Amino acid sequence: EVEMCGNGIRCLAKYIWDKEIGNEKLEIRNKEKRFNKRRRFSPNSLAIETLTGIIYLKKSGSLIKVDMGEPVFEPEKIPVRVKSSKFKVQSFNSELENQNSKLNSSLVKNFPISFDRKIFKITCVSMGNPHAVIVMKDVESAALSLYGPLIENHRLFPKKTNVEFIQILNRKNIKMR
């Protein structure tokens, strides 16, 4: 069960707006648990309760904007298990800490995991659910169907993880698979 999905919540909001569902409660059930309810604040904004809290959405023309909140870097909150003597969780530099005092002093950056002699360096973040980000020179060469599920289900991630292979194109653009 996923705590939060940015694209999924946009689809739910589009459905609510397209079907012109009014101010009444909309309950969505997953197995035996209720996990989402919708409240309308205005014709162009919604608040949707998820497993990670209330997510706010706004309709802007044909686009749907979602406030995903701040990224979470603390390993225990992502969650990711990195209790390894071979690797130390890296600290933010003091300049970054001064810019945002809410940031914890640790993050998992370039943590090495390997499969069949192939080593990946993952950086971990949560935006409501765990993500493992891998920077590559060429994302087209990533064997997604092979390594994606292996990383997703790795023992480091007690709740599994989303896996993103990214290529930095320039200071403003990345390519992601």
Protein backbone atom coordinates (compact mmCIF):
# COMPACT_ATOMS: atom_id res chain seq x y z
CA GLU A 1 0.00 0.00 0.00
CA VAL A 2 1.51 3.29 -1.12
CA GLU A 3 1.49 6.22 1.28
CA MET A 4 1.38 8.89 -1.42
CA CYS A 5 1.77 9.20 -5.19
CA GLY A 6 1.93 12.62 -6.86
CA ASN A 7 0.64 11.43 -10.24
CA GLY A 8 -1.99 9.21 -8.64
CA ILE A 9 -3.41 12.04 -6.54
CA ARG A 10 -3.53 14.29 -9.62
CA CYS A 11 -5.56 11.57 -11.40
CA LEU A 12 -7.95 11.34 -8.43
CA ALA A 13 -8.37 15.14 -8.40
CA LYS A 14 -9.03 15.19 -12.16
CA TYR A 15 -11.66 12.46 -11.69
CA ILE A 16 -13.35 14.44 -8.91
CA TRP A 17 -13.40 17.62 -11.02
CA ASP A 18 -14.40 15.84 -14.26
CA LYS A 19 -17.31 14.05 -12.53
CA GLU A 20 -18.25 17.27 -10.73
CA ILE A 21 -18.45 15.51 -7.41
CA GLY A 22 -19.84 18.00 -4.92
CA ASN A 23 -19.03 18.83 -1.32
CA GLU A 24 -20.17 15.49 0.06
CA LYS A 25 -17.53 13.14 1.42
CA LEU A 26 -15.99 10.72 -1.01
CA GLU A 27 -14.54 7.65 0.67
CA ILE A 28 -12.21 5.32 -1.13
CA ARG A 29 -11.44 1.98 0.41
CA ASN A 30 -8.42 -0.24 -0.09
CA LYS A 31 -9.18 -3.73 1.22
CA GLU A 32 -10.62 -3.14 4.68
CA LYS A 33 -9.09 0.32 5.29
CA ARG A 34 -10.46 3.74 4.39
CA PHE A 35 -7.46 5.73 3.21
CA ASN A 36 -8.72 8.74 1.31
CA LYS A 37 -11.44 11.27 1.79
CA ARG A 38 -12.02 14.44 -0.16
CA ARG A 39 -13.09 17.85 0.99
CA ARG A 40 -13.75 20.67 -1.45
CA PHE A 41 -12.68 24.18 -0.45
CA SER A 42 -13.50 25.89 -3.74
CA PRO A 43 -14.24 24.88 -7.33
CA ASN A 44 -10.49 24.97 -8.06
CA SER A 45 -8.94 23.51 -4.91
CA LEU A 46 -9.09 20.23 -3.03
CA ALA A 47 -7.67 18.74 0.14
CA ILE A 48 -7.24 14.97 0.05
CA GLU A 49 -6.36 12.94 3.12
CA THR A 50 -3.69 10.30 2.46
CA LEU A 51 -1.66 7.95 4.63
CA THR A 52 0.98 10.71 4.89
CA GLY A 53 -1.44 13.50 5.76
CA ILE A 54 -3.59 16.02 3.92
CA ILE A 55 -2.41 16.92 0.41
CA TYR A 56 -3.58 20.19 -1.19
CA LEU A 57 -4.31 20.48 -4.91
CA LYS A 58 -5.21 23.40 -7.18
CA LYS A 59 -6.65 23.43 -10.66
CA SER A 60 -4.90 25.90 -12.96
CA GLY A 61 -6.36 25.74 -16.46
CA SER A 62 -5.78 22.20 -17.68
CA LEU A 63 -3.00 21.62 -15.12
CA ILE A 64 -3.35 20.25 -11.62
CA LYS A 65 -0.80 21.50 -9.10
CA VAL A 66 -0.07 19.47 -6.01
CA ASP A 67 1.74 20.64 -2.89
CA MET A 68 3.91 17.61 -2.10
CA GLY A 69 5.41 19.27 0.97
CA GLU A 70 9.09 19.31 1.84
CA PRO A 71 11.39 16.41 1.01
CA VAL A 72 12.37 14.13 3.89
CA PHE A 73 16.02 13.05 4.03
CA GLU A 74 16.30 11.43 7.47
CA PRO A 75 16.97 7.71 6.88
CA GLU A 76 14.66 6.56 9.68
CA LYS A 77 11.77 8.64 8.31
CA ILE A 78 12.10 7.58 4.64
CA PRO A 79 12.52 4.69 5.81
CA VAL A 80 15.86 3.28 4.67
CA ARG A 81 18.16 1.05 6.72
CA VAL A 82 21.76 2.23 6.34
CA LYS A 83 23.42 0.95 9.49
CA SER A 84 26.64 -0.05 7.77
CA SER A 85 30.16 0.30 9.06
CA LYS A 86 31.39 0.60 5.45
CA PHE A 87 29.31 3.70 4.79
CA LYS A 88 28.57 6.70 6.92
CA VAL A 89 25.45 8.75 6.39
CA GLN A 90 26.65 12.08 5.03
CA SER A 91 25.99 15.41 6.69
CA PHE A 92 24.52 18.44 4.98
CA ASN A 93 26.95 21.30 4.66
CA SER A 94 26.40 24.10 7.13
CA GLU A 95 25.29 26.55 4.41
CA LEU A 96 22.37 24.29 3.47
CA GLU A 97 21.49 23.70 7.12
CA ASN A 98 21.39 27.48 7.70
CA GLN A 99 19.03 27.95 4.73
CA ASN A 100 16.50 25.48 6.13
CA SER A 101 16.69 24.68 9.83
CA LYS A 102 14.05 21.95 9.41
CA LEU A 103 16.55 19.74 7.60
CA ASN A 104 18.09 17.00 9.68
CA SER A 105 21.86 16.77 9.71
CA SER A 106 22.01 13.52 7.72
CA LEU A 107 21.07 12.09 4.37
CA VAL A 108 21.74 8.96 2.37
CA LYS A 109 23.74 10.08 -0.64
CA ASN A 110 25.63 7.83 -3.08
CA PHE A 111 25.05 4.78 -0.89
CA PRO A 112 26.48 1.75 -2.76
CA ILE A 113 24.36 -1.33 -3.38
CA SER A 114 25.32 -4.09 -5.80
CA PHE A 115 23.74 -6.86 -7.83
CA ASP A 116 25.76 -9.31 -9.93
CA ARG A 117 28.89 -7.12 -9.81
CA LYS A 118 26.88 -4.05 -10.88
CA ILE A 119 27.19 -1.27 -8.30
CA PHE A 120 24.59 1.48 -7.99
CA LYS A 121 25.02 4.58 -5.85
CA ILE A 122 21.62 5.56 -4.49
CA THR A 123 20.45 8.79 -2.92
CA CYS A 124 17.33 8.41 -0.79
CA VAL A 125 14.46 10.82 -0.22
CA SER A 126 10.79 10.63 0.72
CA MET A 127 8.08 12.79 -0.81
CA GLY A 128 5.38 10.86 1.03
CA ASN A 129 6.88 7.51 0.10
CA PRO A 130 10.47 6.26 -0.32
CA HIS A 131 12.53 7.04 -3.43
CA ALA A 132 15.96 5.74 -4.45
CA VAL A 133 17.53 8.05 -7.03
CA ILE A 134 20.45 6.87 -9.17
CA VAL A 135 22.40 9.37 -11.28
CA MET A 136 23.72 7.93 -14.56
CA LYS A 137 25.59 9.29 -17.56
CA ASP A 138 23.03 7.70 -19.92
CA VAL A 139 19.60 6.65 -18.56
CA GLU A 140 18.78 4.89 -21.83
CA SER A 141 21.38 2.28 -20.89
CA ALA A 142 19.66 1.47 -17.57
CA ALA A 143 18.27 -2.06 -17.45
CA LEU A 144 15.05 -0.95 -15.73
CA SER A 145 13.19 -4.24 -15.88
CA LEU A 146 16.14 -6.07 -14.32
CA TYR A 147 17.45 -3.67 -11.68
CA GLY A 148 14.33 -1.65 -10.87
CA PRO A 149 12.55 -4.52 -9.05
CA LEU A 150 15.78 -5.64 -7.35
CA ILE A 151 16.35 -2.18 -5.89
CA GLU A 152 12.64 -1.66 -5.12
CA ASN A 153 12.57 -4.83 -3.00
CA HIS A 154 16.05 -4.53 -1.47
CA ARG A 155 16.31 -5.22 2.26
CA LEU A 156 17.39 -1.59 2.80
CA PHE A 157 13.78 -0.55 2.17
CA PRO A 158 11.34 -2.03 4.70
CA LYS A 159 8.41 -0.44 2.82
CA LYS A 160 9.92 -0.95 -0.66
CA THR A 161 10.94 2.11 -2.71
CA ASN A 162 10.33 3.91 -5.97
CA VAL A 163 13.41 3.74 -8.17
CA GLU A 164 14.43 6.60 -10.45
CA PHE A 165 17.36 6.51 -12.84
CA ILE A 166 18.22 10.09 -13.77
CA GLN A 167 20.58 11.79 -16.19
CA ILE A 168 21.52 15.42 -15.59
CA LEU A 169 21.21 17.18 -18.94
CA ASN A 170 22.00 20.70 -17.70
CA ARG A 171 21.39 22.94 -14.68
CA LYS A 172 17.64 23.07 -15.35
CA ASN A 173 16.80 19.70 -16.92
CA ILE A 174 17.10 16.04 -16.09
CA LYS A 175 15.98 12.95 -17.94
CA MET A 176 14.34 10.30 -15.78
CA ARG A 177 13.30 6.71 -16.27
